[in-house]
ModelCIF file with pLDDT and N, C-alpha, C, O atoms, coordinates in Angstrom:
data_MODEL
#
_entry.id   MODEL 
#
_entity.id                         1 
_entity.type                       polymer 
_entity.pdbx_number_of_molecules   1 
#
_entity_poly.entity_id                      1 
_entity_poly.type                           'polypeptide(L)' 
_entity_poly.nstd_linkage                   no 
_entity_poly.nstd_monomer                   no 
_entity_poly.pdbx_seq_one_letter_code       NTFTKALAKELAPSNIHVNAIACGMIDTDMNACFSAEDKDAI 
_entity_poly.pdbx_seq_one_letter_code_can   NTFTKALAKELAPSNIHVNAIACGMIDTDMNACFSAEDKDAI 
_entity_poly.pdbx_strand_id                 A 
#
loop_
_entity_poly_seq.entity_id 
_entity_poly_seq.num 
_entity_poly_seq.mon_id 
_entity_poly_seq.hetero 
1 1  ASN n 
1 2  THR n 
1 3  PHE n 
1 4  THR n 
1 5  LYS n 
1 6  ALA n 
1 7  LEU n 
1 8  ALA n 
1 9  LYS n 
1 10 GLU n 
1 11 LEU n 
1 12 ALA n 
1 13 PRO n 
1 14 SER n 
1 15 ASN n 
1 16 ILE n 
1 17 HIS n 
1 18 VAL n 
1 19 ASN n 
1 20 ALA n 
1 21 ILE n 
1 22 ALA n 
1 23 CYS n 
1 24 GLY n 
1 25 MET n 
1 26 ILE n 
1 27 ASP n 
1 28 THR n 
1 29 ASP n 
1 30 MET n 
1 31 ASN n 
1 32 ALA n 
1 33 CYS n 
1 34 PHE n 
1 35 SER n 
1 36 ALA n 
1 37 GLU n 
1 38 ASP n 
1 39 LYS n 
1 40 ASP n 
1 41 ALA n 
1 42 ILE n 
#
_struct_asym.id          A 
_struct_asym.entity_id   1 
#
loop_
_ma_qa_metric.id 
_ma_qa_metric.mode 
_ma_qa_metric.name 
_ma_qa_metric.software_group_id 
_ma_qa_metric.type 
1 global pLDDT . pLDDT 
2 local  pLDDT . pLDDT 
#
_ma_qa_metric_global.metric_id      1 
_ma_qa_metric_global.metric_value   91.81 
_ma_qa_metric_global.model_id       1 
_ma_qa_metric_global.ordinal_id     1 
#
loop_
_ma_qa_metric_local.label_asym_id 
_ma_qa_metric_local.label_comp_id 
_ma_qa_metric_local.label_seq_id 
_ma_qa_metric_local.metric_id 
_ma_qa_metric_local.metric_value 
_ma_qa_metric_local.model_id 
_ma_qa_metric_local.ordinal_id 
A ASN 1  2 98.00 1 1  
A THR 2  2 98.00 1 2  
A PHE 3  2 98.00 1 3  
A THR 4  2 98.00 1 4  
A LYS 5  2 98.00 1 5  
A ALA 6  2 99.00 1 6  
A LEU 7  2 99.00 1 7  
A ALA 8  2 99.00 1 8  
A LYS 9  2 98.00 1 9  
A GLU 10 2 98.00 1 10 
A LEU 11 2 98.00 1 11 
A ALA 12 2 98.00 1 12 
A PRO 13 2 98.00 1 13 
A SER 14 2 98.00 1 14 
A ASN 15 2 98.00 1 15 
A ILE 16 2 98.00 1 16 
A HIS 17 2 98.00 1 17 
A VAL 18 2 99.00 1 18 
A ASN 19 2 98.00 1 19 
A ALA 20 2 98.00 1 20 
A ILE 21 2 98.00 1 21 
A ALA 22 2 98.00 1 22 
A CYS 23 2 98.00 1 23 
A GLY 24 2 97.00 1 24 
A MET 25 2 95.00 1 25 
A ILE 26 2 96.00 1 26 
A ASP 27 2 92.00 1 27 
A THR 28 2 86.00 1 28 
A ASP 29 2 76.00 1 29 
A MET 30 2 72.00 1 30 
A ASN 31 2 75.00 1 31 
A ALA 32 2 69.00 1 32 
A CYS 33 2 69.00 1 33 
A PHE 34 2 74.00 1 34 
A SER 35 2 78.00 1 35 
A ALA 36 2 85.00 1 36 
A GLU 37 2 88.00 1 37 
A ASP 38 2 85.00 1 38 
A LYS 39 2 86.00 1 39 
A ASP 40 2 90.00 1 40 
A ALA 41 2 92.00 1 41 
A ILE 42 2 93.00 1 42 
#
loop_
_atom_site.group_PDB 
_atom_site.id 
_atom_site.type_symbol 
_atom_site.label_atom_id 
_atom_site.label_alt_id 
_atom_site.label_comp_id 
_atom_site.label_asym_id 
_atom_site.label_entity_id 
_atom_site.label_seq_id 
_atom_site.pdbx_PDB_ins_code 
_atom_site.Cartn_x 
_atom_site.Cartn_y 
_atom_site.Cartn_z 
_atom_site.occupancy 
_atom_site.B_iso_or_equiv 
_atom_site.pdbx_formal_charge 
_atom_site.auth_seq_id 
_atom_site.auth_comp_id 
_atom_site.auth_asym_id 
_atom_site.auth_atom_id 
_atom_site.pdbx_PDB_model_num 
ATOM 1   N N  . ASN A 1 1  ? -60.561 17.582 36.250 1.00 98.00 ? 1  ASN A N  1 
ATOM 2   C CA . ASN A 1 1  ? -60.642 16.855 37.521 1.00 98.00 ? 1  ASN A CA 1 
ATOM 3   C C  . ASN A 1 1  ? -59.739 17.475 38.578 1.00 98.00 ? 1  ASN A C  1 
ATOM 4   O O  . ASN A 1 1  ? -60.139 17.609 39.735 1.00 98.00 ? 1  ASN A O  1 
ATOM 5   N N  . THR A 1 2  ? -58.518 17.855 38.188 1.00 98.00 ? 2  THR A N  1 
ATOM 6   C CA . THR A 1 2  ? -57.597 18.475 39.134 1.00 98.00 ? 2  THR A CA 1 
ATOM 7   C C  . THR A 1 2  ? -58.081 19.866 39.533 1.00 98.00 ? 2  THR A C  1 
ATOM 8   O O  . THR A 1 2  ? -57.976 20.259 40.695 1.00 98.00 ? 2  THR A O  1 
ATOM 9   N N  . PHE A 1 3  ? -58.606 20.598 38.569 1.00 98.00 ? 3  PHE A N  1 
ATOM 10  C CA . PHE A 1 3  ? -59.201 21.904 38.860 1.00 98.00 ? 3  PHE A CA 1 
ATOM 11  C C  . PHE A 1 3  ? -60.310 21.769 39.897 1.00 98.00 ? 3  PHE A C  1 
ATOM 12  O O  . PHE A 1 3  ? -60.421 22.585 40.811 1.00 98.00 ? 3  PHE A O  1 
ATOM 13  N N  . THR A 1 4  ? -61.131 20.730 39.746 1.00 98.00 ? 4  THR A N  1 
ATOM 14  C CA . THR A 1 4  ? -62.230 20.483 40.679 1.00 98.00 ? 4  THR A CA 1 
ATOM 15  C C  . THR A 1 4  ? -61.712 20.285 42.099 1.00 98.00 ? 4  THR A C  1 
ATOM 16  O O  . THR A 1 4  ? -62.222 20.896 43.039 1.00 98.00 ? 4  THR A O  1 
ATOM 17  N N  . LYS A 1 5  ? -60.702 19.435 42.259 1.00 98.00 ? 5  LYS A N  1 
ATOM 18  C CA . LYS A 1 5  ? -60.169 19.151 43.588 1.00 98.00 ? 5  LYS A CA 1 
ATOM 19  C C  . LYS A 1 5  ? -59.535 20.388 44.216 1.00 98.00 ? 5  LYS A C  1 
ATOM 20  O O  . LYS A 1 5  ? -59.720 20.651 45.404 1.00 98.00 ? 5  LYS A O  1 
ATOM 21  N N  . ALA A 1 6  ? -58.794 21.139 43.426 1.00 99.00 ? 6  ALA A N  1 
ATOM 22  C CA . ALA A 1 6  ? -58.119 22.322 43.951 1.00 99.00 ? 6  ALA A CA 1 
ATOM 23  C C  . ALA A 1 6  ? -59.118 23.402 44.342 1.00 99.00 ? 6  ALA A C  1 
ATOM 24  O O  . ALA A 1 6  ? -59.011 23.996 45.415 1.00 99.00 ? 6  ALA A O  1 
ATOM 25  N N  . LEU A 1 7  ? -60.098 23.657 43.461 1.00 99.00 ? 7  LEU A N  1 
ATOM 26  C CA . LEU A 1 7  ? -61.091 24.692 43.760 1.00 99.00 ? 7  LEU A CA 1 
ATOM 27  C C  . LEU A 1 7  ? -61.928 24.300 44.967 1.00 99.00 ? 7  LEU A C  1 
ATOM 28  O O  . LEU A 1 7  ? -62.289 25.152 45.779 1.00 99.00 ? 7  LEU A O  1 
ATOM 29  N N  . ALA A 1 8  ? -62.238 23.021 45.089 1.00 99.00 ? 8  ALA A N  1 
ATOM 30  C CA . ALA A 1 8  ? -63.028 22.556 46.226 1.00 99.00 ? 8  ALA A CA 1 
ATOM 31  C C  . ALA A 1 8  ? -62.335 22.862 47.550 1.00 99.00 ? 8  ALA A C  1 
ATOM 32  O O  . ALA A 1 8  ? -62.977 23.296 48.507 1.00 99.00 ? 8  ALA A O  1 
ATOM 33  N N  . LYS A 1 9  ? -61.027 22.636 47.599 1.00 98.00 ? 9  LYS A N  1 
ATOM 34  C CA . LYS A 1 9  ? -60.282 22.910 48.823 1.00 98.00 ? 9  LYS A CA 1 
ATOM 35  C C  . LYS A 1 9  ? -60.273 24.409 49.131 1.00 98.00 ? 9  LYS A C  1 
ATOM 36  O O  . LYS A 1 9  ? -60.345 24.811 50.293 1.00 98.00 ? 9  LYS A O  1 
ATOM 37  N N  . GLU A 1 10 ? -60.185 25.213 48.103 1.00 98.00 ? 10 GLU A N  1 
ATOM 38  C CA . GLU A 1 10 ? -60.174 26.663 48.280 1.00 98.00 ? 10 GLU A CA 1 
ATOM 39  C C  . GLU A 1 10 ? -61.514 27.188 48.781 1.00 98.00 ? 10 GLU A C  1 
ATOM 40  O O  . GLU A 1 10 ? -61.561 28.150 49.547 1.00 98.00 ? 10 GLU A O  1 
ATOM 41  N N  . LEU A 1 11 ? -62.606 26.552 48.347 1.00 98.00 ? 11 LEU A N  1 
ATOM 42  C CA . LEU A 1 11 ? -63.938 27.057 48.649 1.00 98.00 ? 11 LEU A CA 1 
ATOM 43  C C  . LEU A 1 11 ? -64.623 26.368 49.823 1.00 98.00 ? 11 LEU A C  1 
ATOM 44  O O  . LEU A 1 11 ? -65.668 26.827 50.283 1.00 98.00 ? 11 LEU A O  1 
ATOM 45  N N  . ALA A 1 12 ? -64.053 25.279 50.309 1.00 98.00 ? 12 ALA A N  1 
ATOM 46  C CA . ALA A 1 12 ? -64.680 24.553 51.415 1.00 98.00 ? 12 ALA A CA 1 
ATOM 47  C C  . ALA A 1 12 ? -64.956 25.431 52.637 1.00 98.00 ? 12 ALA A C  1 
ATOM 48  O O  . ALA A 1 12 ? -66.010 25.271 53.253 1.00 98.00 ? 12 ALA A O  1 
ATOM 49  N N  . PRO A 1 13 ? -64.059 26.354 53.020 1.00 98.00 ? 13 PRO A N  1 
ATOM 50  C CA . PRO A 1 13 ? -64.366 27.206 54.183 1.00 98.00 ? 13 PRO A CA 1 
ATOM 51  C C  . PRO A 1 13 ? -65.592 28.098 53.983 1.00 98.00 ? 13 PRO A C  1 
ATOM 52  O O  . PRO A 1 13 ? -66.166 28.600 54.949 1.00 98.00 ? 13 PRO A O  1 
ATOM 53  N N  . SER A 1 14 ? -65.988 28.290 52.726 1.00 98.00 ? 14 SER A N  1 
ATOM 54  C CA . SER A 1 14 ? -67.161 29.117 52.426 1.00 98.00 ? 14 SER A CA 1 
ATOM 55  C C  . SER A 1 14 ? -68.422 28.284 52.219 1.00 98.00 ? 14 SER A C  1 
ATOM 56  O O  . SER A 1 14 ? -69.432 28.793 51.732 1.00 98.00 ? 14 SER A O  1 
ATOM 57  N N  . ASN A 1 15 ? -68.365 26.997 52.588 1.00 98.00 ? 15 ASN A N  1 
ATOM 58  C CA . ASN A 1 15 ? -69.516 26.098 52.479 1.00 98.00 ? 15 ASN A CA 1 
ATOM 59  C C  . ASN A 1 15 ? -69.965 25.920 51.026 1.00 98.00 ? 15 ASN A C  1 
ATOM 60  O O  . ASN A 1 15 ? -71.157 25.800 50.742 1.00 98.00 ? 15 ASN A O  1 
ATOM 61  N N  . ILE A 1 16 ? -69.001 25.905 50.124 1.00 98.00 ? 16 ILE A N  1 
ATOM 62  C CA . ILE A 1 16 ? -69.276 25.658 48.711 1.00 98.00 ? 16 ILE A CA 1 
ATOM 63  C C  . ILE A 1 16 ? -68.642 24.317 48.351 1.00 98.00 ? 16 ILE A C  1 
ATOM 64  O O  . ILE A 1 16 ? -67.456 24.092 48.593 1.00 98.00 ? 16 ILE A O  1 
ATOM 65  N N  . HIS A 1 17 ? -69.449 23.434 47.769 1.00 98.00 ? 17 HIS A N  1 
ATOM 66  C CA . HIS A 1 17 ? -68.987 22.083 47.443 1.00 98.00 ? 17 HIS A CA 1 
ATOM 67  C C  . HIS A 1 17 ? -68.729 21.982 45.940 1.00 98.00 ? 17 HIS A C  1 
ATOM 68  O O  . HIS A 1 17 ? -69.551 22.403 45.126 1.00 98.00 ? 17 HIS A O  1 
ATOM 69  N N  . VAL A 1 18 ? -67.581 21.420 45.590 1.00 99.00 ? 18 VAL A N  1 
ATOM 70  C CA . VAL A 1 18 ? -67.200 21.281 44.188 1.00 99.00 ? 18 VAL A CA 1 
ATOM 71  C C  . VAL A 1 18 ? -66.838 19.824 43.931 1.00 99.00 ? 18 VAL A C  1 
ATOM 72  O O  . VAL A 1 18 ? -65.906 19.294 44.537 1.00 99.00 ? 18 VAL A O  1 
ATOM 73  N N  . ASN A 1 19 ? -67.572 19.181 43.037 1.00 98.00 ? 19 ASN A N  1 
ATOM 74  C CA . ASN A 1 19 ? -67.339 17.778 42.713 1.00 98.00 ? 19 ASN A CA 1 
ATOM 75  C C  . ASN A 1 19 ? -67.442 17.562 41.206 1.00 98.00 ? 19 ASN A C  1 
ATOM 76  O O  . ASN A 1 19 ? -68.000 18.390 40.486 1.00 98.00 ? 19 ASN A O  1 
ATOM 77  N N  . ALA A 1 20 ? -66.903 16.452 40.744 1.00 98.00 ? 20 ALA A N  1 
ATOM 78  C CA . ALA A 1 20 ? -66.979 16.104 39.329 1.00 98.00 ? 20 ALA A CA 1 
ATOM 79  C C  . ALA A 1 20 ? -67.527 14.694 39.171 1.00 98.00 ? 20 ALA A C  1 
ATOM 80  O O  . ALA A 1 20 ? -67.291 13.822 40.007 1.00 98.00 ? 20 ALA A O  1 
ATOM 81  N N  . ILE A 1 21 ? -68.261 14.488 38.090 1.00 98.00 ? 21 ILE A N  1 
ATOM 82  C CA . ILE A 1 21 ? -68.751 13.164 37.740 1.00 98.00 ? 21 ILE A CA 1 
ATOM 83  C C  . ILE A 1 21 ? -67.990 12.706 36.503 1.00 98.00 ? 21 ILE A C  1 
ATOM 84  O O  . ILE A 1 21 ? -68.111 13.300 35.431 1.00 98.00 ? 21 ILE A O  1 
ATOM 85  N N  . ALA A 1 22 ? -67.208 11.649 36.661 1.00 98.00 ? 22 ALA A N  1 
ATOM 86  C CA . ALA A 1 22 ? -66.437 11.098 35.550 1.00 98.00 ? 22 ALA A CA 1 
ATOM 87  C C  . ALA A 1 22 ? -67.292 10.050 34.845 1.00 98.00 ? 22 ALA A C  1 
ATOM 88  O O  . ALA A 1 22 ? -67.346 8.891  35.256 1.00 98.00 ? 22 ALA A O  1 
ATOM 89  N N  . CYS A 1 23 ? -67.946 10.472 33.794 1.00 98.00 ? 23 CYS A N  1 
ATOM 90  C CA . CYS A 1 23 ? -68.886 9.591  33.087 1.00 98.00 ? 23 CYS A CA 1 
ATOM 91  C C  . CYS A 1 23 ? -68.146 8.566  32.233 1.00 98.00 ? 23 CYS A C  1 
ATOM 92  O O  . CYS A 1 23 ? -67.095 8.846  31.657 1.00 98.00 ? 23 CYS A O  1 
ATOM 93  N N  . GLY A 1 24 ? -68.718 7.388  32.171 1.00 97.00 ? 24 GLY A N  1 
ATOM 94  C CA . GLY A 1 24 ? -68.266 6.378  31.230 1.00 97.00 ? 24 GLY A CA 1 
ATOM 95  C C  . GLY A 1 24 ? -69.016 6.563  29.916 1.00 97.00 ? 24 GLY A C  1 
ATOM 96  O O  . GLY A 1 24 ? -69.242 7.695  29.490 1.00 97.00 ? 24 GLY A O  1 
ATOM 97  N N  . MET A 1 25 ? -69.396 5.486  29.282 1.00 95.00 ? 25 MET A N  1 
ATOM 98  C CA . MET A 1 25 ? -70.127 5.578  28.018 1.00 95.00 ? 25 MET A CA 1 
ATOM 99  C C  . MET A 1 25 ? -71.578 5.933  28.285 1.00 95.00 ? 25 MET A C  1 
ATOM 100 O O  . MET A 1 25 ? -72.299 5.185  28.946 1.00 95.00 ? 25 MET A O  1 
ATOM 101 N N  . ILE A 1 26 ? -72.005 7.086  27.764 1.00 96.00 ? 26 ILE A N  1 
ATOM 102 C CA . ILE A 1 26 ? -73.383 7.557  27.896 1.00 96.00 ? 26 ILE A CA 1 
ATOM 103 C C  . ILE A 1 26 ? -73.971 7.666  26.496 1.00 96.00 ? 26 ILE A C  1 
ATOM 104 O O  . ILE A 1 26 ? -73.269 8.060  25.565 1.00 96.00 ? 26 ILE A O  1 
ATOM 105 N N  . ASP A 1 27 ? -75.215 7.332  26.334 1.00 92.00 ? 27 ASP A N  1 
ATOM 106 C CA . ASP A 1 27 ? -75.862 7.318  25.023 1.00 92.00 ? 27 ASP A CA 1 
ATOM 107 C C  . ASP A 1 27 ? -76.245 8.739  24.605 1.00 92.00 ? 27 ASP A C  1 
ATOM 108 O O  . ASP A 1 27 ? -77.396 9.151  24.751 1.00 92.00 ? 27 ASP A O  1 
ATOM 109 N N  . THR A 1 28 ? -75.261 9.481  24.082 1.00 86.00 ? 28 THR A N  1 
ATOM 110 C CA . THR A 1 28 ? -75.476 10.865 23.667 1.00 86.00 ? 28 THR A CA 1 
ATOM 111 C C  . THR A 1 28 ? -74.991 11.068 22.236 1.00 86.00 ? 28 THR A C  1 
ATOM 112 O O  . THR A 1 28 ? -74.382 10.181 21.639 1.00 86.00 ? 28 THR A O  1 
ATOM 113 N N  . ASP A 1 29 ? -75.274 12.256 21.699 1.00 76.00 ? 29 ASP A N  1 
ATOM 114 C CA . ASP A 1 29 ? -74.817 12.595 20.352 1.00 76.00 ? 29 ASP A CA 1 
ATOM 115 C C  . ASP A 1 29 ? -73.293 12.579 20.261 1.00 76.00 ? 29 ASP A C  1 
ATOM 116 O O  . ASP A 1 29 ? -72.739 12.306 19.196 1.00 76.00 ? 29 ASP A O  1 
ATOM 117 N N  . MET A 1 30 ? -72.608 12.871 21.377 1.00 72.00 ? 30 MET A N  1 
ATOM 118 C CA . MET A 1 30 ? -71.153 12.886 21.364 1.00 72.00 ? 30 MET A CA 1 
ATOM 119 C C  . MET A 1 30 ? -70.585 11.526 20.957 1.00 72.00 ? 30 MET A C  1 
ATOM 120 O O  . MET A 1 30 ? -69.494 11.441 20.393 1.00 72.00 ? 30 MET A O  1 
ATOM 121 N N  . ASN A 1 31 ? -71.338 10.471 21.249 1.00 75.00 ? 31 ASN A N  1 
ATOM 122 C CA . ASN A 1 31 ? -70.883 9.121  20.921 1.00 75.00 ? 31 ASN A CA 1 
ATOM 123 C C  . ASN A 1 31 ? -71.531 8.571  19.651 1.00 75.00 ? 31 ASN A C  1 
ATOM 124 O O  . ASN A 1 31 ? -71.512 7.366  19.397 1.00 75.00 ? 31 ASN A O  1 
ATOM 125 N N  . ALA A 1 32 ? -72.106 9.484  18.859 1.00 69.00 ? 32 ALA A N  1 
ATOM 126 C CA . ALA A 1 32 ? -72.753 9.058  17.617 1.00 69.00 ? 32 ALA A CA 1 
ATOM 127 C C  . ALA A 1 32 ? -71.736 8.544  16.594 1.00 69.00 ? 32 ALA A C  1 
ATOM 128 O O  . ALA A 1 32 ? -72.103 7.896  15.613 1.00 69.00 ? 32 ALA A O  1 
ATOM 129 N N  . CYS A 1 33 ? -70.457 8.842  16.834 1.00 69.00 ? 33 CYS A N  1 
ATOM 130 C CA . CYS A 1 33 ? -69.423 8.385  15.911 1.00 69.00 ? 33 CYS A CA 1 
ATOM 131 C C  . CYS A 1 33 ? -69.218 6.868  15.992 1.00 69.00 ? 33 CYS A C  1 
ATOM 132 O O  . CYS A 1 33 ? -68.607 6.265  15.111 1.00 69.00 ? 33 CYS A O  1 
ATOM 133 N N  . PHE A 1 34 ? -69.740 6.265  17.065 1.00 74.00 ? 34 PHE A N  1 
ATOM 134 C CA . PHE A 1 34 ? -69.599 4.818  17.233 1.00 74.00 ? 34 PHE A CA 1 
ATOM 135 C C  . PHE A 1 34 ? -70.798 4.095  16.596 1.00 74.00 ? 34 PHE A C  1 
ATOM 136 O O  . PHE A 1 34 ? -71.946 4.510  16.757 1.00 74.00 ? 34 PHE A O  1 
ATOM 137 N N  . SER A 1 35 ? -70.513 3.037  15.892 1.00 78.00 ? 35 SER A N  1 
ATOM 138 C CA . SER A 1 35 ? -71.583 2.249  15.269 1.00 78.00 ? 35 SER A CA 1 
ATOM 139 C C  . SER A 1 35 ? -72.310 1.435  16.329 1.00 78.00 ? 35 SER A C  1 
ATOM 140 O O  . SER A 1 35 ? -71.853 1.320  17.467 1.00 78.00 ? 35 SER A O  1 
ATOM 141 N N  . ALA A 1 36 ? -73.445 0.872  15.940 1.00 85.00 ? 36 ALA A N  1 
ATOM 142 C CA . ALA A 1 36 ? -74.203 0.022  16.859 1.00 85.00 ? 36 ALA A CA 1 
ATOM 143 C C  . ALA A 1 36 ? -73.358 -1.169 17.296 1.00 85.00 ? 36 ALA A C  1 
ATOM 144 O O  . ALA A 1 36 ? -73.429 -1.603 18.446 1.00 85.00 ? 36 ALA A O  1 
ATOM 145 N N  . GLU A 1 37 ? -72.554 -1.695 16.365 1.00 88.00 ? 37 GLU A N  1 
ATOM 146 C CA . GLU A 1 37 ? -71.679 -2.817 16.701 1.00 88.00 ? 37 GLU A CA 1 
ATOM 147 C C  . GLU A 1 37 ? -70.625 -2.401 17.713 1.00 88.00 ? 37 GLU A C  1 
ATOM 148 O O  . GLU A 1 37 ? -70.313 -3.150 18.639 1.00 88.00 ? 37 GLU A O  1 
ATOM 149 N N  . ASP A 1 38 ? -70.072 -1.196 17.531 1.00 85.00 ? 38 ASP A N  1 
ATOM 150 C CA . ASP A 1 38 ? -69.078 -0.679 18.473 1.00 85.00 ? 38 ASP A CA 1 
ATOM 151 C C  . ASP A 1 38 ? -69.681 -0.532 19.872 1.00 85.00 ? 38 ASP A C  1 
ATOM 152 O O  . ASP A 1 38 ? -69.067 -0.897 20.874 1.00 85.00 ? 38 ASP A O  1 
ATOM 153 N N  . LYS A 1 39 ? -70.891 0.008  19.911 1.00 86.00 ? 39 LYS A N  1 
ATOM 154 C CA . LYS A 1 39 ? -71.545 0.212  21.206 1.00 86.00 ? 39 LYS A CA 1 
ATOM 155 C C  . LYS A 1 39 ? -71.858 -1.112 21.884 1.00 86.00 ? 39 LYS A C  1 
ATOM 156 O O  . LYS A 1 39 ? -71.735 -1.236 23.103 1.00 86.00 ? 39 LYS A O  1 
ATOM 157 N N  . ASP A 1 40 ? -72.258 -2.092 21.102 1.00 90.00 ? 40 ASP A N  1 
ATOM 158 C CA . ASP A 1 40 ? -72.525 -3.420 21.672 1.00 90.00 ? 40 ASP A CA 1 
ATOM 159 C C  . ASP A 1 40 ? -71.247 -4.013 22.261 1.00 90.00 ? 40 ASP A C  1 
ATOM 160 O O  . ASP A 1 40 ? -71.272 -4.623 23.330 1.00 90.00 ? 40 ASP A O  1 
ATOM 161 N N  . ALA A 1 41 ? -70.134 -3.830 21.557 1.00 92.00 ? 41 ALA A N  1 
ATOM 162 C CA . ALA A 1 41 ? -68.857 -4.353 22.035 1.00 92.00 ? 41 ALA A CA 1 
ATOM 163 C C  . ALA A 1 41 ? -68.434 -3.657 23.331 1.00 92.00 ? 41 ALA A C  1 
ATOM 164 O O  . ALA A 1 41 ? -67.910 -4.295 24.245 1.00 92.00 ? 41 ALA A O  1 
ATOM 165 N N  . ILE A 1 42 ? -68.665 -2.345 23.401 1.00 93.00 ? 42 ILE A N  1 
ATOM 166 C CA . ILE A 1 42 ? -68.332 -1.605 24.619 1.00 93.00 ? 42 ILE A CA 1 
ATOM 167 C C  . ILE A 1 42 ? -69.220 -2.060 25.774 1.00 93.00 ? 42 ILE A C  1 
ATOM 168 O O  . ILE A 1 42 ? -69.092 -1.552 26.888 1.00 93.00 ? 42 ILE A O  1 
#
């Protein structure tokens, strides 16, 4: 996130936009470690 903000400031004069999306809980394989009950609670 900090890298994003710093690089964005460096590149703004060149009309290059740098942003980040801070995702919450998304239904992906990365979260397969959570049980169905865990996901319901979240």
